[in-house]
C-alpha atoms as a PDB file:
ATOM      1  CA  MET A   1      13.437 -14.202 -27.378  1.00  0.00           C
ATOM      2  CA  THR A   2      11.474 -11.493 -26.262  1.00  0.00           C
ATOM      3  CA  GLN A   3       9.346 -11.230 -24.007  1.00  0.00           C
ATOM      4  CA  ARG A   4       6.172  -8.778 -24.111  1.00  0.00           C
ATOM      5  CA  TYR A   5       4.220  -7.637 -20.928  1.00  0.00           C
ATOM      6  CA  PHE A   6       1.099  -6.674 -20.973  1.00  0.00           C
ATOM      7  CA  VAL A   7       0.850  -4.158 -17.050  1.00  0.00           C
ATOM      8  CA  THR A   8      -2.373  -2.914 -16.140  1.00  0.00           C
ATOM      9  CA  GLY A   9      -2.152  -0.344 -13.230  1.00  0.00           C
ATOM     10  CA  ALA A  10       1.123   0.333 -14.583  1.00  0.00           C
ATOM     11  CA  GLN A  11       1.122   3.766 -13.266  1.00  0.00           C
ATOM     12  CA  GLY A  12       0.288   2.534  -9.768  1.00  0.00           C
ATOM     13  CA  PHE A  13       2.912   1.716  -7.030  1.00  0.00           C
ATOM     14  CA  VAL A  14       3.647  -1.862  -8.057  1.00  0.00           C
ATOM     15  CA  GLY A  15       2.612  -1.462 -11.206  1.00  0.00           C
ATOM     16  CA  ARG A  16       5.787   1.565 -11.417  1.00  0.00           C
ATOM     17  CA  TYR A  17       8.135  -0.333  -9.866  1.00  0.00           C
ATOM     18  CA  PHE A  18       7.288  -3.788 -11.915  1.00  0.00           C
ATOM     19  CA  ILE A  19       7.833  -2.090 -15.284  1.00  0.00           C
ATOM     20  CA  ALA A  20      11.267  -0.319 -13.902  1.00  0.00           C
ATOM     21  CA  HIS A  21      12.352  -3.972 -12.121  1.00  0.00           C
ATOM     22  CA  LEU A  22      11.854  -5.556 -16.169  1.00  0.00           C
ATOM     23  CA  LEU A  23      13.417  -2.987 -17.869  1.00  0.00           C
ATOM     24  CA  ALA A  24      16.593  -2.977 -15.651  1.00  0.00           C
ATOM     25  CA  ARG A  25      16.704  -7.065 -16.260  1.00  0.00           C
ATOM     26  CA  GLU A  26      15.128  -8.341 -19.244  1.00  0.00           C
ATOM     27  CA  PRO A  27      16.941  -6.409 -21.972  1.00  0.00           C
ATOM     28  CA  GLU A  28      14.954  -7.447 -24.643  1.00  0.00           C
ATOM     29  CA  ALA A  29      11.364  -7.002 -22.853  1.00  0.00           C
ATOM     30  CA  GLU A  30       8.885  -5.269 -24.503  1.00  0.00           C
ATOM     31  CA  ILE A  31       5.988  -4.300 -22.526  1.00  0.00           C
ATOM     32  CA  LEU A  32       2.759  -2.114 -22.518  1.00  0.00           C
ATOM     33  CA  GLY A  33       1.431  -0.372 -19.394  1.00  0.00           C
ATOM     34  CA  LEU A  34      -2.098   0.053 -19.244  1.00  0.00           C
ATOM     35  CA  GLY A  35      -4.513   2.410 -17.066  1.00  0.00           C
ATOM     36  CA  ARG A  36      -7.403   5.118 -16.926  1.00  0.00           C
ATOM     37  CA  SER A  37      -5.153   7.602 -16.140  1.00  0.00           C
ATOM     38  CA  PRO A  38      -3.415  10.141 -18.197  1.00  0.00           C
ATOM     39  CA  ALA A  39       0.059   9.400 -18.994  1.00  0.00           C
ATOM     40  CA  ASN A  40       2.180  10.786 -16.339  1.00  0.00           C
ATOM     41  CA  VAL A  41       6.723  10.837 -16.615  1.00  0.00           C
ATOM     42  CA  ALA A  42       7.144  12.604 -13.039  1.00  0.00           C
ATOM     43  CA  HIS A  43       4.612  11.746 -10.474  1.00  0.00           C
ATOM     44  CA  PHE A  44       2.727   9.124  -9.061  1.00  0.00           C
ATOM     45  CA  THR A  45      -1.094   9.106  -9.296  1.00  0.00           C
ATOM     46  CA  HIS A  46      -1.725  10.134  -5.662  1.00  0.00           C
ATOM     47  CA  ARG A  47       0.262  13.237  -3.410  1.00  0.00           C
ATOM     48  CA  VAL A  48       2.573  13.398  -0.476  1.00  0.00           C
ATOM     49  CA  HIS A  49       3.138  16.036   2.448  1.00  0.00           C
ATOM     50  CA  TRP A  50       5.968  17.995   3.330  1.00  0.00           C
ATOM     51  CA  GLY A  51       5.382  19.772   6.316  1.00  0.00           C
ATOM     52  CA  ASP A  52       2.221  21.040   5.715  1.00  0.00           C
ATOM     53  CA  LEU A  53       2.356  21.509   2.038  1.00  0.00           C
ATOM     54  CA  GLU A  54       0.396  18.456   0.098  1.00  0.00           C
ATOM     55  CA  LEU A  55       2.221  18.143  -3.629  1.00  0.00           C
ATOM     56  CA  PRO A  56       2.111  15.551  -6.195  1.00  0.00           C
ATOM     57  CA  ALA A  57       4.360  12.597  -5.181  1.00  0.00           C
ATOM     58  CA  PRO A  58       7.264  13.032  -7.446  1.00  0.00           C
ATOM     59  CA  LEU A  59       8.410   9.431  -8.972  1.00  0.00           C
ATOM     60  CA  PRO A  60      12.268   7.901  -7.672  1.00  0.00           C
ATOM     61  CA  ALA A  61      14.918   8.268  -9.988  1.00  0.00           C
ATOM     62  CA  SER A  62      14.304   4.565  -9.897  1.00  0.00           C
ATOM     63  CA  LEU A  63      11.348   5.083 -12.081  1.00  0.00           C
ATOM     64  CA  ASP A  64      12.428   7.715 -14.344  1.00  0.00           C
ATOM     65  CA  ILE A  65      11.811   5.074 -17.804  1.00  0.00           C
ATOM     66  CA  ALA A  66      10.467   7.346 -20.215  1.00  0.00           C
ATOM     67  CA  ARG A  67      12.975   7.429 -22.279  1.00  0.00           C
ATOM     68  CA  ASP A  68      12.884   3.703 -22.747  1.00  0.00           C
ATOM     69  CA  LYS A  69      11.338   3.121 -26.094  1.00  0.00           C
ATOM     70  CA  ARG A  70      10.964  -0.648 -24.869  1.00  0.00           C
ATOM     71  CA  TYR A  71       8.452   0.875 -22.720  1.00  0.00           C
ATOM     72  CA  ARG A  72       4.858   2.057 -24.337  1.00  0.00           C
ATOM     73  CA  TYR A  73       1.554   3.401 -22.009  1.00  0.00           C
ATOM     74  CA  ILE A  74      -1.788   4.305 -23.231  1.00  0.00           C
ATOM     75  CA  ALA A  75      -5.029   5.472 -21.313  1.00  0.00           C
ATOM     76  CA  VAL A  76      -7.232   2.895 -21.162  1.00  0.00           C
ATOM     77  CA  ASP A  77      -9.689   2.491 -18.343  1.00  0.00           C
ATOM     78  CA  LEU A  78     -11.113  -1.807 -18.223  1.00  0.00           C
ATOM     79  CA  GLY A  79     -14.454  -0.660 -18.629  1.00  0.00           C
ATOM     80  CA  ASP A  80     -13.391   0.658 -22.114  1.00  0.00           C
ATOM     81  CA  ARG A  81     -14.407  -2.803 -24.127  1.00  0.00           C
ATOM     82  CA  ALA A  82     -13.258  -1.439 -27.307  1.00  0.00           C
ATOM     83  CA  GLY A  83     -10.327  -0.137 -26.171  1.00  0.00           C
ATOM     84  CA  LEU A  84      -8.662  -3.318 -24.419  1.00  0.00           C
ATOM     85  CA  ASP A  85      -9.781  -4.885 -27.393  1.00  0.00           C
ATOM     86  CA  GLN A  86      -7.619  -3.540 -29.553  1.00  0.00           C
ATOM     87  CA  ALA A  87      -4.988  -2.461 -27.413  1.00  0.00           C
ATOM     88  CA  LEU A  88      -4.339  -6.696 -26.971  1.00  0.00           C
ATOM     89  CA  ARG A  89      -5.191  -7.270 -29.978  1.00  0.00           C
ATOM     90  CA  SER A  90      -2.564  -5.148 -31.543  1.00  0.00           C
ATOM     91  CA  PHE A  91      -0.022  -5.666 -28.712  1.00  0.00           C
ATOM     92  CA  ARG A  92      -0.275  -9.296 -28.538  1.00  0.00           C
ATOM     93  CA  PRO A  93       1.108 -10.203 -25.438  1.00  0.00           C
ATOM     94  CA  ASP A  94       3.250 -13.042 -23.710  1.00  0.00           C
ATOM     95  CA  ALA A  95       2.489 -12.531 -20.349  1.00  0.00           C
ATOM     96  CA  ILE A  96       0.215 -10.573 -18.762  1.00  0.00           C
ATOM     97  CA  ILE A  97       0.480  -9.072 -14.729  1.00  0.00           C
ATOM     98  CA  HIS A  98      -3.055  -7.755 -14.387  1.00  0.00           C
ATOM     99  CA  LEU A  99      -2.536  -5.421 -11.307  1.00  0.00           C
ATOM    100  CA  ALA A 100      -5.272  -2.606 -11.587  1.00  0.00           C
ATOM    101  CA  SER A 101      -6.676  -2.227  -8.605  1.00  0.00           C
ATOM    102  CA  GLY A 102      -9.288  -0.226  -6.346  1.00  0.00           C
ATOM    103  CA  LEU A 103      -8.025   1.301  -3.247  1.00  0.00           C
ATOM    104  CA  ARG A 104      -9.139   0.476   0.257  1.00  0.00           C
ATOM    105  CA  ASP A 105     -11.310   3.605   0.843  1.00  0.00           C
ATOM    106  CA  ASP A 106     -12.745   3.301  -2.406  1.00  0.00           C
ATOM    107  CA  PRO A 107     -16.579   4.055  -2.621  1.00  0.00           C
ATOM    108  CA  VAL A 108     -17.944   0.152  -2.662  1.00  0.00           C
ATOM    109  CA  GLU A 109     -19.147   0.661  -6.451  1.00  0.00           C
ATOM    110  CA  GLU A 110     -16.078   1.394  -7.413  1.00  0.00           C
ATOM    111  CA  LEU A 111     -13.848  -1.304  -5.761  1.00  0.00           C
ATOM    112  CA  PHE A 112     -16.283  -4.273  -7.501  1.00  0.00           C
ATOM    113  CA  ARG A 113     -16.219  -2.502 -10.599  1.00  0.00           C
ATOM    114  CA  THR A 114     -12.640  -2.421 -10.694  1.00  0.00           C
ATOM    115  CA  ASN A 115     -11.707  -4.987  -8.791  1.00  0.00           C
ATOM    116  CA  VAL A 116     -14.667  -7.421 -10.149  1.00  0.00           C
ATOM    117  CA  GLU A 117     -16.115  -6.312 -13.651  1.00  0.00           C
ATOM    118  CA  GLY A 118     -12.291  -5.151 -14.707  1.00  0.00           C
ATOM    119  CA  THR A 119     -10.698  -8.553 -14.804  1.00  0.00           C
ATOM    120  CA  VAL A 120     -14.272  -9.980 -15.960  1.00  0.00           C
ATOM    121  CA  HIS A 121     -13.519  -7.590 -18.997  1.00  0.00           C
ATOM    122  CA  LEU A 122     -10.024  -8.506 -18.815  1.00  0.00           C
ATOM    123  CA  ILE A 123     -10.103 -11.992 -19.206  1.00  0.00           C
ATOM    124  CA  GLU A 124     -13.415 -11.700 -21.680  1.00  0.00           C
ATOM    125  CA  ALA A 125     -11.391  -9.212 -23.782  1.00  0.00           C
ATOM    126  CA  LEU A 126      -8.554 -11.650 -24.330  1.00  0.00           C
ATOM    127  CA  ALA A 127     -10.066 -14.902 -24.466  1.00  0.00           C
ATOM    128  CA  ALA A 128     -12.045 -13.074 -27.876  1.00  0.00           C
ATOM    129  CA  ALA A 129      -8.671 -11.591 -29.108  1.00  0.00           C
ATOM    130  CA  ASP A 130      -7.762 -15.195 -29.555  1.00  0.00           C
ATOM    131  CA  ILE A 131      -4.096 -14.752 -28.238  1.00  0.00           C
ATOM    132  CA  SER A 132      -2.120 -17.819 -26.691  1.00  0.00           C
ATOM    133  CA  VAL A 133      -0.779 -15.571 -23.965  1.00  0.00           C
ATOM    134  CA  GLN A 134       1.823 -17.897 -21.943  1.00  0.00           C
ATOM    135  CA  ARG A 135       0.544 -16.832 -18.379  1.00  0.00           C
ATOM    136  CA  VAL A 136      -1.768 -14.366 -16.903  1.00  0.00           C
ATOM    137  CA  VAL A 137      -0.479 -13.234 -12.691  1.00  0.00           C
ATOM    138  CA  PHE A 138      -3.417 -11.230 -10.781  1.00  0.00           C
ATOM    139  CA  GLY A 139      -2.887  -9.278  -8.326  1.00  0.00           C
ATOM    140  CA  SER A 140      -4.637 -10.096  -5.035  1.00  0.00           C
ATOM    141  CA  THR A 141      -4.299  -9.187  -1.386  1.00  0.00           C
ATOM    142  CA  GLY A 142      -3.105 -10.928   1.834  1.00  0.00           C
ATOM    143  CA  ALA A 143      -6.265  -9.517   3.391  1.00  0.00           C
ATOM    144  CA  VAL A 144      -8.170 -12.191   1.666  1.00  0.00           C
ATOM    145  CA  TYR A 145      -7.786 -13.829   4.909  1.00  0.00           C
ATOM    146  CA  GLY A 146      -8.936 -11.520   7.245  1.00  0.00           C
ATOM    147  CA  ARG A 147     -10.578 -13.463   9.961  1.00  0.00           C
ATOM    148  CA  SER A 148      -8.809 -16.001   9.425  1.00  0.00           C
ATOM    149  CA  SER A 149      -5.687 -13.975  10.943  1.00  0.00           C
ATOM    150  CA  LEU A 150      -7.081 -14.059  14.541  1.00  0.00           C
ATOM    151  CA  ALA A 151      -5.858 -17.739  15.074  1.00  0.00           C
ATOM    152  CA  GLY A 152      -2.621 -16.178  15.534  1.00  0.00           C
ATOM    153  CA  ARG A 153      -0.934 -18.472  13.219  1.00  0.00           C
ATOM    154  CA  PRO A 154       1.335 -17.595   9.895  1.00  0.00           C
ATOM    155  CA  LEU A 155      -1.119 -17.565   6.349  1.00  0.00           C
ATOM    156  CA  ASP A 156      -0.506 -19.702   4.359  1.00  0.00           C
ATOM    157  CA  GLU A 157      -2.569 -20.466   1.010  1.00  0.00           C
ATOM    158  CA  HIS A 158      -4.568 -23.412   2.441  1.00  0.00           C
ATOM    159  CA  THR A 159      -5.743 -20.931   4.789  1.00  0.00           C
ATOM    160  CA  PRO A 160      -9.454 -19.987   4.769  1.00  0.00           C
ATOM    161  CA  CYS A 161     -10.557 -16.722   3.245  1.00  0.00           C
ATOM    162  CA  LEU A 162     -13.203 -14.876   5.030  1.00  0.00           C
ATOM    163  CA  PRO A 163     -12.449 -11.051   4.635  1.00  0.00           C
ATOM    164  CA  LEU A 164     -13.149  -8.703   6.849  1.00  0.00           C
ATOM    165  CA  ASP A 165     -14.304  -5.167   5.173  1.00  0.00           C
ATOM    166  CA  LEU A 166     -15.013  -4.723   0.988  1.00  0.00           C
ATOM    167  CA  TYR A 167     -11.987  -4.148  -0.384  1.00  0.00           C
ATOM    168  CA  ALA A 168     -10.784  -7.754   0.485  1.00  0.00           C
ATOM    169  CA  ALA A 169     -13.605  -9.377   0.176  1.00  0.00           C
ATOM    170  CA  SER A 170     -13.753  -7.240  -3.760  1.00  0.00           C
ATOM    171  CA  LYS A 171     -10.660  -8.863  -4.153  1.00  0.00           C
ATOM    172  CA  LEU A 172     -11.751 -12.209  -3.065  1.00  0.00           C
ATOM    173  CA  ALA A 173     -14.565 -12.181  -5.337  1.00  0.00           C
ATOM    174  CA  SER A 174     -12.057 -11.322  -8.670  1.00  0.00           C
ATOM    175  CA  GLU A 175     -10.064 -14.543  -7.540  1.00  0.00           C
ATOM    176  CA  HIS A 176     -13.414 -16.146  -7.869  1.00  0.00           C
ATOM    177  CA  VAL A 177     -14.381 -14.888 -11.113  1.00  0.00           C
ATOM    178  CA  ALA A 178     -10.908 -14.540 -12.700  1.00  0.00           C
ATOM    179  CA  ARG A 179     -10.257 -18.899 -11.784  1.00  0.00           C
ATOM    180  CA  ILE A 180     -13.520 -19.300 -13.114  1.00  0.00           C
ATOM    181  CA  LEU A 181     -12.637 -17.694 -16.381  1.00  0.00           C
ATOM    182  CA  THR A 182      -9.684 -18.299 -16.887  1.00  0.00           C
ATOM    183  CA  GLU A 183     -10.253 -22.625 -16.726  1.00  0.00           C
ATOM    184  CA  ARG A 184     -13.331 -21.810 -19.052  1.00  0.00           C
ATOM    185  CA  HIS A 185     -10.920 -20.038 -21.843  1.00  0.00           C
ATOM    186  CA  GLY A 186      -7.918 -22.526 -21.103  1.00  0.00           C
ATOM    187  CA  ILE A 187      -5.339 -19.355 -19.767  1.00  0.00           C
ATOM    188  CA  ASP A 188      -2.808 -20.087 -17.541  1.00  0.00           C
ATOM    189  CA  ALA A 189      -3.314 -18.105 -14.562  1.00  0.00           C
ATOM    190  CA  VAL A 190      -1.803 -17.621 -11.009  1.00  0.00           C
ATOM    191  CA  TRP A 191      -2.354 -15.338  -8.317  1.00  0.00           C
ATOM    192  CA  ALA A 192      -0.308 -13.104  -5.708  1.00  0.00           C
ATOM    193  CA  ARG A 193      -1.787 -12.220  -2.736  1.00  0.00           C
ATOM    194  CA  ILE A 194       0.812  -9.396  -1.963  1.00  0.00           C
ATOM    195  CA  PHE A 195       0.996  -8.400   1.910  1.00  0.00           C
ATOM    196  CA  ASN A 196       1.659  -5.244   3.127  1.00  0.00           C
ATOM    197  CA  ILE A 197       3.853  -3.277   0.729  1.00  0.00           C
ATOM    198  CA  LEU A 198       6.177  -0.439   2.188  1.00  0.00           C
ATOM    199  CA  GLY A 199       8.894   1.819   0.091  1.00  0.00           C
ATOM    200  CA  PRO A 200      10.379   4.904  -1.598  1.00  0.00           C
ATOM    201  CA  GLY A 201       7.054   6.941  -2.469  1.00  0.00           C
ATOM    202  CA  GLN A 202       4.341   4.680  -0.884  1.00  0.00           C
ATOM    203  CA  ASP A 203       0.986   6.434  -0.643  1.00  0.00           C
ATOM    204  CA  GLU A 204       0.074   8.115   3.093  1.00  0.00           C
ATOM    205  CA  ARG A 205      -2.950   6.060   3.059  1.00  0.00           C
ATOM    206  CA  HIS A 206      -0.559   3.430   4.466  1.00  0.00           C
ATOM    207  CA  PHE A 207       1.054   2.978   8.421  1.00  0.00           C
ATOM    208  CA  CYS A 208       4.491   3.330   6.746  1.00  0.00           C
ATOM    209  CA  GLY A 209       4.120   6.144   4.216  1.00  0.00           C
ATOM    210  CA  LYS A 210       2.372   8.134   7.031  1.00  0.00           C
ATOM    211  CA  VAL A 211       5.298   7.576   9.546  1.00  0.00           C
ATOM    212  CA  ALA A 212       7.507   8.420   7.556  1.00  0.00           C
ATOM    213  CA  ALA A 213       6.659  11.515   6.338  1.00  0.00           C
ATOM    214  CA  GLN A 214       6.094  12.682   9.655  1.00  0.00           C
ATOM    215  CA  VAL A 215       9.912  12.003  10.672  1.00  0.00           C
ATOM    216  CA  SER A 216      10.735  13.998   7.784  1.00  0.00           C
ATOM    217  CA  ALA A 217       9.060  17.183   8.134  1.00  0.00           C
ATOM    218  CA  ILE A 218      10.229  16.797  11.897  1.00  0.00           C
ATOM    219  CA  ARG A 219      13.789  15.975  11.112  1.00  0.00           C
ATOM    220  CA  GLY A 220      13.807  18.455   8.218  1.00  0.00           C
ATOM    221  CA  GLY A 221      12.479  21.677  10.824  1.00  0.00           C
ATOM    222  CA  GLN A 222       9.065  21.622   8.931  1.00  0.00           C
ATOM    223  CA  THR A 223       6.814  20.814  12.061  1.00  0.00           C
ATOM    224  CA  GLY A 224       7.079  20.616  15.291  1.00  0.00           C
ATOM    225  CA  ALA A 225       7.952  17.143  17.331  1.00  0.00           C
ATOM    226  CA  LYS A 226       4.786  15.004  17.525  1.00  0.00           C
ATOM    227  CA  ILE A 227       3.629  12.116  15.833  1.00  0.00           C
ATOM    228  CA  GLU A 228       0.521  11.384  15.186  1.00  0.00           C
ATOM    229  CA  VAL A 229      -0.468   7.658  15.055  1.00  0.00           C
ATOM    230  CA  GLY A 230      -2.873   4.415  15.260  1.00  0.00           C
ATOM    231  CA  ASP A 231      -3.030   1.646  17.808  1.00  0.00           C
ATOM    232  CA  LEU A 232       0.751   0.351  17.175  1.00  0.00           C
ATOM    233  CA  SER A 233       0.135  -3.309  18.907  1.00  0.00           C
ATOM    234  CA  PRO A 234      -1.025  -5.219  15.848  1.00  0.00           C
ATOM    235  CA  THR A 235       1.485  -7.078  13.363  1.00  0.00           C
ATOM    236  CA  ARG A 236       2.320  -7.184   9.920  1.00  0.00           C
ATOM    237  CA  ASP A 237       4.030  -9.079   7.309  1.00  0.00           C
ATOM    238  CA  PHE A 238       5.930  -5.998   5.531  1.00  0.00           C
ATOM    239  CA  ILE A 239       7.722  -6.258   2.293  1.00  0.00           C
ATOM    240  CA  ASP A 240       9.464  -3.735   0.007  1.00  0.00           C
ATOM    241  CA  VAL A 241       7.848  -2.332  -3.324  1.00  0.00           C
ATOM    242  CA  ARG A 242      10.919  -3.773  -4.809  1.00  0.00           C
ATOM    243  CA  ASP A 243      10.896  -7.369  -3.348  1.00  0.00           C
ATOM    244  CA  VAL A 244       7.124  -7.628  -4.602  1.00  0.00           C
ATOM    245  CA  ALA A 245       8.176  -6.643  -8.362  1.00  0.00           C
ATOM    246  CA  THR A 246      11.259  -9.679  -8.150  1.00  0.00           C
ATOM    247  CA  ALA A 247       8.032 -12.008  -6.482  1.00  0.00           C
ATOM    248  CA  LEU A 248       5.940 -11.124  -9.609  1.00  0.00           C
ATOM    249  CA  ALA A 249       8.740 -11.281 -11.927  1.00  0.00           C
ATOM    250  CA  THR A 250       8.882 -14.694 -10.466  1.00  0.00           C
ATOM    251  CA  LEU A 251       5.288 -15.639 -10.753  1.00  0.00           C
ATOM    252  CA  VAL A 252       5.757 -15.112 -14.254  1.00  0.00           C
ATOM    253  CA  ARG A 253       8.363 -17.494 -15.332  1.00  0.00           C
ATOM    254  CA  HIS A 254       7.981 -20.333 -12.300  1.00  0.00           C
ATOM    255  CA  GLY A 255       4.456 -20.289 -10.464  1.00  0.00           C
ATOM    256  CA  GLU A 256       2.089 -23.203 -10.783  1.00  0.00           C
ATOM    257  CA  PRO A 257      -0.514 -22.934 -13.283  1.00  0.00           C
ATOM    258  CA  GLY A 258      -3.944 -22.223 -10.941  1.00  0.00           C
ATOM    259  CA  GLU A 259      -2.375 -21.495  -7.907  1.00  0.00           C
ATOM    260  CA  ALA A 260      -2.399 -18.254  -5.427  1.00  0.00           C
ATOM    261  CA  TYR A 261       1.342 -17.340  -3.826  1.00  0.00           C
ATOM    262  CA  ASN A 262       1.546 -15.464  -1.323  1.00  0.00           C
ATOM    263  CA  VAL A 263       3.999 -12.587  -2.205  1.00  0.00           C
ATOM    264  CA  ALA A 264       5.513 -11.747   1.271  1.00  0.00           C
ATOM    265  CA  SER A 265       8.710 -11.579   3.915  1.00  0.00           C
ATOM    266  CA  GLY A 266       6.732 -14.561   6.008  1.00  0.00           C
ATOM    267  CA  LEU A 267       8.096 -12.108   9.206  1.00  0.00           C
ATOM    268  CA  GLU A 268       5.879 -11.099  11.968  1.00  0.00           C
ATOM    269  CA  THR A 269       6.744  -7.348  12.403  1.00  0.00           C
ATOM    270  CA  ALA A 270       5.142  -4.898  15.296  1.00  0.00           C
ATOM    271  CA  MET A 271       4.285  -1.719  14.096  1.00  0.00           C
ATOM    272  CA  SER A 272       5.214  -0.269  17.063  1.00  0.00           C
ATOM    273  CA  HIS A 273       8.698  -1.516  15.764  1.00  0.00           C
ATOM    274  CA  VAL A 274       8.274   0.209  12.259  1.00  0.00           C
ATOM    275  CA  LEU A 275       8.079   3.459  14.260  1.00  0.00           C
ATOM    276  CA  ASP A 276      10.789   3.143  16.496  1.00  0.00           C
ATOM    277  CA  LEU A 277      12.743   2.618  13.627  1.00  0.00           C
ATOM    278  CA  ALA A 278      12.015   5.637  11.868  1.00  0.00           C
ATOM    279  CA  LEU A 279      12.603   7.259  14.814  1.00  0.00           C
ATOM    280  CA  ASP A 280      15.954   5.676  14.969  1.00  0.00           C
ATOM    281  CA  ILE A 281      16.851   6.572  11.369  1.00  0.00           C
ATOM    282  CA  THR A 282      16.517   9.986  11.285  1.00  0.00           C
ATOM    283  CA  GLY A 283      17.792  10.616  15.312  1.00  0.00           C
ATOM    284  CA  LEU A 284      14.103  11.302  16.853  1.00  0.00           C
ATOM    285  CA  THR A 285      14.255   8.314  19.556  1.00  0.00           C
ATOM    286  CA  GLY A 286      13.105  10.026  23.128  1.00  0.00           C
ATOM    287  CA  SER A 287      12.571  13.264  21.136  1.00  0.00           C
ATOM    288  CA  VAL A 288       9.122  13.249  19.680  1.00  0.00           C
ATOM    289  CA  ALA A 289       5.820  12.930  21.609  1.00  0.00           C
ATOM    290  CA  ILE A 290       3.622  10.182  20.295  1.00  0.00           C
ATOM    291  CA  GLU A 291      -0.071  10.555  20.085  1.00  0.00           C
ATOM    292  CA  HIS A 292      -2.759   7.795  19.115  1.00  0.00           C
ATOM    293  CA  THR A 293      -5.212   9.666  17.157  1.00  0.00           C
ATOM    294  CA  TYR A 294      -6.985   6.959  14.997  1.00  0.00           C
ATOM    295  CA  ARG A 295      -7.602   3.825  14.552  1.00  0.00           C
ATOM    296  CA  ARG A 296      -8.841   1.783  11.648  1.00  0.00           C
ATOM    297  CA  ALA A 297     -12.132  -0.198  11.359  1.00  0.00           C
ATOM    298  CA  ALA A 298     -12.256  -4.129  10.741  1.00  0.00           C
ATOM    299  CA  ASP A 299      -8.481  -3.647  12.309  1.00  0.00           C
ATOM    300  CA  ILE A 300      -6.738  -7.056  13.496  1.00  0.00           C
ATOM    301  CA  PRO A 301      -4.356  -7.895  16.071  1.00  0.00           C
ATOM    302  CA  ARG A 302      -1.861 -10.064  14.221  1.00  0.00           C
ATOM    303  CA  ALA A 303      -1.318 -11.178  10.482  1.00  0.00           C
ATOM    304  CA  TYR A 304       1.704 -12.286   8.979  1.00  0.00           C
ATOM    305  CA  ALA A 305       2.559 -14.696   6.356  1.00  0.00           C
ATOM    306  CA  ASP A 306       3.743 -18.595   5.332  1.00  0.00           C
ATOM    307  CA  ALA A 307       5.621 -18.041   2.027  1.00  0.00           C
ATOM    308  CA  ALA A 308       6.769 -20.735   2.018  1.00  0.00           C
ATOM    309  CA  ARG A 309       5.522 -21.624  -1.419  1.00  0.00           C
ATOM    310  CA  ILE A 310       7.294 -18.718  -3.398  1.00  0.00           C
ATOM    311  CA  ARG A 311      10.499 -19.513  -1.598  1.00  0.00           C
ATOM    312  CA  ASP A 312      10.146 -22.867  -3.069  1.00  0.00           C
ATOM    313  CA  LEU A 313      10.297 -20.820  -6.788  1.00  0.00           C
ATOM    314  CA  GLY A 314      13.343 -19.380  -5.812  1.00  0.00           C
ATOM    315  CA  PHE A 315      12.382 -16.363  -4.572  1.00  0.00           C
ATOM    316  CA  ALA A 316      13.912 -14.419  -1.319  1.00  0.00           C
ATOM    317  CA  PRO A 317      13.009 -10.402  -0.165  1.00  0.00           C
ATOM    318  CA  ALA A 318      16.165  -8.393  -0.289  1.00  0.00           C
ATOM    319  CA  TYR A 319      15.371  -5.301   1.658  1.00  0.00           C
ATOM    320  CA  ASP A 320      14.903  -5.735   5.218  1.00  0.00           C
ATOM    321  CA  VAL A 321      11.758  -3.634   7.074  1.00  0.00           C
ATOM    322  CA  ARG A 322      15.116  -1.144   8.027  1.00  0.00           C
ATOM    323  CA  ARG A 323      16.166  -1.047   5.037  1.00  0.00           C
ATOM    324  CA  SER A 324      12.813   0.189   3.093  1.00  0.00           C
ATOM    325  CA  MET A 325      11.895   2.936   6.106  1.00  0.00           C
ATOM    326  CA  SER A 326      15.077   4.164   5.494  1.00  0.00           C
ATOM    327  CA  ASP A 327      15.014   4.348   1.945  1.00  0.00           C
ATOM    328  CA  LEU A 328      11.635   5.679   2.297  1.00  0.00           C
ATOM    329  CA  ILE A 329      12.447   8.347   4.582  1.00  0.00           C
ATOM    330  CA  GLU A 330      15.034   9.209   2.534  1.00  0.00           C
ATOM    331  CA  TYR A 331      12.861   9.806  -0.544  1.00  0.00           C
ATOM    332  CA  TYR A 332      11.123  12.495   1.379  1.00  0.00           C
ATOM    333  CA  CYS A 333      14.231  14.169   2.754  1.00  0.00           C
ATOM    334  CA  VAL A 334      15.680  14.130  -0.757  1.00  0.00           C
ATOM    335  CA  THR A 335      12.772  13.213  -3.914  1.00  0.00           C
ATOM    336  CA  VAL A 336       9.736  15.072  -1.658  1.00  0.00           C
ATOM    337  CA  ARG A 337      11.872  17.787  -0.532  1.00  0.00           C
ATOM    338  CA  SER A 338      13.705  19.252  -3.614  1.00  0.00           C
ATOM    339  CA  SER A 339       9.967  19.084  -5.704  1.00  0.00           C
ATOM    340  CA  VAL A 340       9.128  22.089  -2.889  1.00  0.00           C
ATOM    341  CA  PRO A 341       8.464  25.493  -4.853  1.00  0.00           C
ATOM    342  CA  GLY A 342      11.179  27.198  -4.069  1.00  0.00           C
ATOM    343  CA  ALA A 343      13.766  24.521  -2.501  1.00  0.00           C
END
């Protein structure tokens, strides 16, 4: 039986990997991707660095899905109610995976417009279209737990949500409005609280991407032997983007309606360990200067998940942090480097 997937945020980091996952594993899948940016079959929407050179982030080969006739992309903003209505009515999906999201450093108006108002528009359009979808999965974040992380214990889905920044607050608000509206309209919904993602193609605004860009440039002789980092003492729960894609597919099929799930490894990893892995992978251990040049506001010392609930559905991560960092560094040394003009 054909499964028709409607994926918002389709050109985002998670969206692209999720769509590639479906196409690789579900021969009968048909997918309509939706995003606000024009279709781009060669690059992510963010930029990366090779040394001092900034360039559009090239897609890894595994995400080259443009020629797959089972996938189609349309550019429709979530604020375009008429466009949403038309897309849903014409495609008539079996499942919706809502991954469109504002980013942590977006202006506050943009955060709430995308994360809260966009979610409201999607649900209202779905209800108006009178489509009997089997499941809606809403992408959220482990950052919703916020201040509760200060207790230093694994965060399960019953942990109080006490956001520490406006990004997390907007995602929690999105969860609340989605829960109210899906219950009102009788829509089967689950929430994926995704923890710290890493993997090939990651935006350098995130710690692992920033580190991988720097060590790769040093290894490739593009910069001097100096790495700029922030505080390396915090711990996080890192999960590979390819495992996130698998987890989302698991929630589509097996998630319990009305429940939230931590999408995480369940392992606590220090940022200092991630840097050590990157230096070891590139053979730079002991040969570079480490400069602590920045610190994030509202940072917390420890944050990691209790991932038992999603594991009970049969999900288990396939990538450990070393493998993920190795693949991310290879992305820079091969994919990014080959995209440099004249390379």
